N, C-alpha and C. Protein backbone atom coordinates (compact mmCIF):
# COMPACT_ATOMS: atom_id res chain seq x y z
N UNK A 1 -27.72 -9.27 22.55
CA UNK A 1 -27.34 -9.58 21.19
C UNK A 1 -27.22 -8.24 20.38
N UNK A 2 -26.21 -8.22 19.53
CA UNK A 2 -25.98 -7.05 18.71
C UNK A 2 -26.83 -7.05 17.47
N UNK A 3 -27.25 -5.85 17.05
CA UNK A 3 -28.06 -5.75 15.81
C UNK A 3 -27.10 -5.88 14.61
N UNK A 4 -27.67 -6.01 13.44
CA UNK A 4 -26.90 -6.18 12.23
C UNK A 4 -26.05 -4.90 11.95
N UNK A 5 -26.62 -3.77 12.21
CA UNK A 5 -25.86 -2.50 12.07
C UNK A 5 -24.72 -2.40 13.01
N UNK A 6 -24.89 -2.76 14.23
CA UNK A 6 -23.82 -2.74 15.27
C UNK A 6 -22.72 -3.71 14.89
N UNK A 7 -23.06 -4.86 14.36
CA UNK A 7 -22.02 -5.83 14.05
C UNK A 7 -21.20 -5.42 12.83
N UNK A 8 -21.78 -4.56 11.95
CA UNK A 8 -21.03 -4.09 10.81
C UNK A 8 -20.16 -2.87 11.10
N UNK A 9 -20.46 -2.19 12.23
CA UNK A 9 -19.73 -0.99 12.61
C UNK A 9 -18.28 -1.33 13.00
N UNK A 10 -17.36 -0.57 12.48
CA UNK A 10 -15.98 -0.82 12.80
C UNK A 10 -15.61 -0.09 14.08
N UNK A 11 -14.89 -0.77 14.96
CA UNK A 11 -14.44 -0.19 16.16
C UNK A 11 -13.03 0.32 15.97
N UNK A 12 -12.84 1.61 15.98
CA UNK A 12 -11.50 2.18 15.83
C UNK A 12 -10.78 2.17 17.20
N UNK A 13 -9.52 1.90 17.13
CA UNK A 13 -8.69 1.83 18.33
C UNK A 13 -7.86 3.10 18.54
N UNK A 14 -8.15 4.13 17.78
CA UNK A 14 -7.44 5.41 17.89
C UNK A 14 -8.41 6.51 18.24
N UNK A 15 -7.93 7.48 19.02
CA UNK A 15 -8.76 8.60 19.42
C UNK A 15 -8.72 9.72 18.40
N UNK A 16 -7.66 9.77 17.57
CA UNK A 16 -7.57 10.90 16.58
C UNK A 16 -6.81 10.35 15.36
N UNK A 17 -6.80 11.18 14.32
CA UNK A 17 -6.01 10.80 13.11
C UNK A 17 -4.52 10.75 13.41
N UNK A 18 -4.06 11.63 14.28
CA UNK A 18 -2.64 11.64 14.64
C UNK A 18 -2.27 10.33 15.33
N UNK A 19 -3.17 9.81 16.20
CA UNK A 19 -2.90 8.50 16.82
C UNK A 19 -2.86 7.44 15.80
N UNK A 20 -3.76 7.47 14.82
CA UNK A 20 -3.76 6.52 13.74
C UNK A 20 -2.49 6.51 12.97
N UNK A 21 -1.98 7.71 12.63
CA UNK A 21 -0.69 7.84 11.88
C UNK A 21 0.43 7.34 12.74
N UNK A 22 0.44 7.61 14.00
CA UNK A 22 1.53 7.21 14.92
C UNK A 22 1.52 5.67 15.14
N UNK A 23 0.38 5.02 14.98
CA UNK A 23 0.25 3.56 15.11
C UNK A 23 0.87 3.06 16.46
N UNK A 24 0.59 3.73 17.50
CA UNK A 24 1.02 3.28 18.77
C UNK A 24 2.58 3.34 18.92
N UNK A 25 3.21 4.23 18.20
CA UNK A 25 4.67 4.33 18.27
C UNK A 25 5.40 3.58 17.18
N UNK A 26 4.65 2.83 16.39
CA UNK A 26 5.24 2.05 15.30
C UNK A 26 4.95 2.67 13.90
N UNK A 27 4.49 3.89 13.90
CA UNK A 27 4.09 4.54 12.61
C UNK A 27 5.21 4.60 11.59
N UNK A 28 6.42 4.90 12.02
CA UNK A 28 7.53 5.00 11.07
C UNK A 28 7.75 3.65 10.43
N UNK A 29 7.71 2.57 11.20
CA UNK A 29 7.90 1.24 10.64
C UNK A 29 6.75 0.89 9.70
N UNK A 30 5.49 1.10 10.13
CA UNK A 30 4.35 0.74 9.35
C UNK A 30 4.29 1.51 8.07
N UNK A 31 4.31 2.84 8.12
CA UNK A 31 4.22 3.66 6.94
C UNK A 31 5.43 3.54 6.05
N UNK A 32 6.61 3.36 6.65
CA UNK A 32 7.81 3.12 5.87
C UNK A 32 7.73 1.82 5.09
N UNK A 33 7.11 0.79 5.70
CA UNK A 33 6.88 -0.48 4.99
C UNK A 33 5.94 -0.26 3.78
N UNK A 34 4.86 0.46 4.01
CA UNK A 34 3.98 0.73 2.91
C UNK A 34 4.67 1.55 1.83
N UNK A 35 5.49 2.50 2.19
CA UNK A 35 6.22 3.31 1.25
C UNK A 35 7.17 2.44 0.41
N UNK A 36 7.88 1.54 1.06
CA UNK A 36 8.80 0.67 0.34
C UNK A 36 8.02 -0.25 -0.60
N UNK A 37 6.88 -0.69 -0.18
CA UNK A 37 6.05 -1.56 -1.05
C UNK A 37 5.69 -0.79 -2.31
N UNK A 38 5.21 0.42 -2.18
CA UNK A 38 4.82 1.27 -3.31
C UNK A 38 6.03 1.49 -4.19
N UNK A 39 7.17 1.77 -3.63
CA UNK A 39 8.37 2.06 -4.37
C UNK A 39 8.82 0.83 -5.15
N UNK A 40 8.86 -0.33 -4.51
CA UNK A 40 9.24 -1.58 -5.20
C UNK A 40 8.27 -1.98 -6.28
N UNK A 41 6.99 -1.86 -6.02
CA UNK A 41 6.00 -2.17 -7.06
C UNK A 41 6.13 -1.22 -8.24
N UNK A 42 6.32 0.08 -7.97
CA UNK A 42 6.50 1.00 -9.02
C UNK A 42 7.80 0.71 -9.89
N UNK A 43 8.85 0.35 -9.17
CA UNK A 43 10.08 0.00 -9.93
C UNK A 43 9.86 -1.22 -10.75
N UNK A 44 9.13 -2.21 -10.26
CA UNK A 44 8.91 -3.43 -11.02
C UNK A 44 8.05 -3.10 -12.24
N UNK A 45 6.98 -2.31 -12.11
CA UNK A 45 6.16 -1.95 -13.27
C UNK A 45 6.97 -1.16 -14.30
N UNK A 46 7.82 -0.27 -13.85
CA UNK A 46 8.71 0.49 -14.76
C UNK A 46 9.65 -0.47 -15.48
N UNK A 47 10.28 -1.43 -14.77
CA UNK A 47 11.19 -2.36 -15.39
C UNK A 47 10.43 -3.26 -16.39
N UNK A 48 9.23 -3.64 -16.09
CA UNK A 48 8.46 -4.45 -17.03
C UNK A 48 8.14 -3.67 -18.32
N UNK A 49 7.82 -2.42 -18.16
CA UNK A 49 7.56 -1.57 -19.32
C UNK A 49 8.79 -1.43 -20.20
N UNK A 50 9.96 -1.22 -19.54
CA UNK A 50 11.20 -1.05 -20.35
C UNK A 50 11.53 -2.32 -21.07
N UNK A 51 11.43 -3.45 -20.36
CA UNK A 51 11.69 -4.75 -21.03
C UNK A 51 10.72 -5.04 -22.18
N UNK A 52 9.48 -4.70 -21.99
CA UNK A 52 8.44 -4.94 -23.05
C UNK A 52 8.73 -4.08 -24.30
N UNK A 53 9.12 -2.83 -24.09
CA UNK A 53 9.46 -1.96 -25.22
C UNK A 53 10.72 -2.52 -25.91
N UNK A 54 11.71 -2.93 -25.16
CA UNK A 54 12.91 -3.48 -25.76
C UNK A 54 12.63 -4.72 -26.59
N UNK A 55 11.79 -5.60 -26.10
CA UNK A 55 11.43 -6.83 -26.76
C UNK A 55 10.58 -6.50 -28.01
N UNK A 56 9.72 -5.53 -27.95
CA UNK A 56 8.92 -5.14 -29.13
C UNK A 56 9.83 -4.59 -30.19
N UNK A 57 10.84 -3.79 -29.86
CA UNK A 57 11.80 -3.28 -30.80
C UNK A 57 12.59 -4.41 -31.44
N UNK A 58 13.00 -5.36 -30.63
CA UNK A 58 13.79 -6.49 -31.11
C UNK A 58 12.96 -7.35 -32.08
N UNK A 59 11.72 -7.52 -31.84
CA UNK A 59 10.85 -8.31 -32.72
C UNK A 59 10.62 -7.56 -34.00
N UNK A 60 10.49 -6.25 -33.99
CA UNK A 60 10.25 -5.44 -35.17
C UNK A 60 11.44 -5.41 -36.11
N UNK A 61 12.61 -5.64 -35.63
CA UNK A 61 13.86 -5.57 -36.46
C UNK A 61 14.00 -6.70 -37.38
């Protein structure tokens, strides 16, 4: 039976940070997906800010 500490320990499946980044050969797809997510979320936040400012100006007129 495993102790409480052993059950909380994460088992890494990579031998090095480079293996982690490579993701078993799928690193470009994985990290590219994360990059696109950040880009799209950033664009959405920017668009919301622009629309909010435009609406505020329209209300003030």
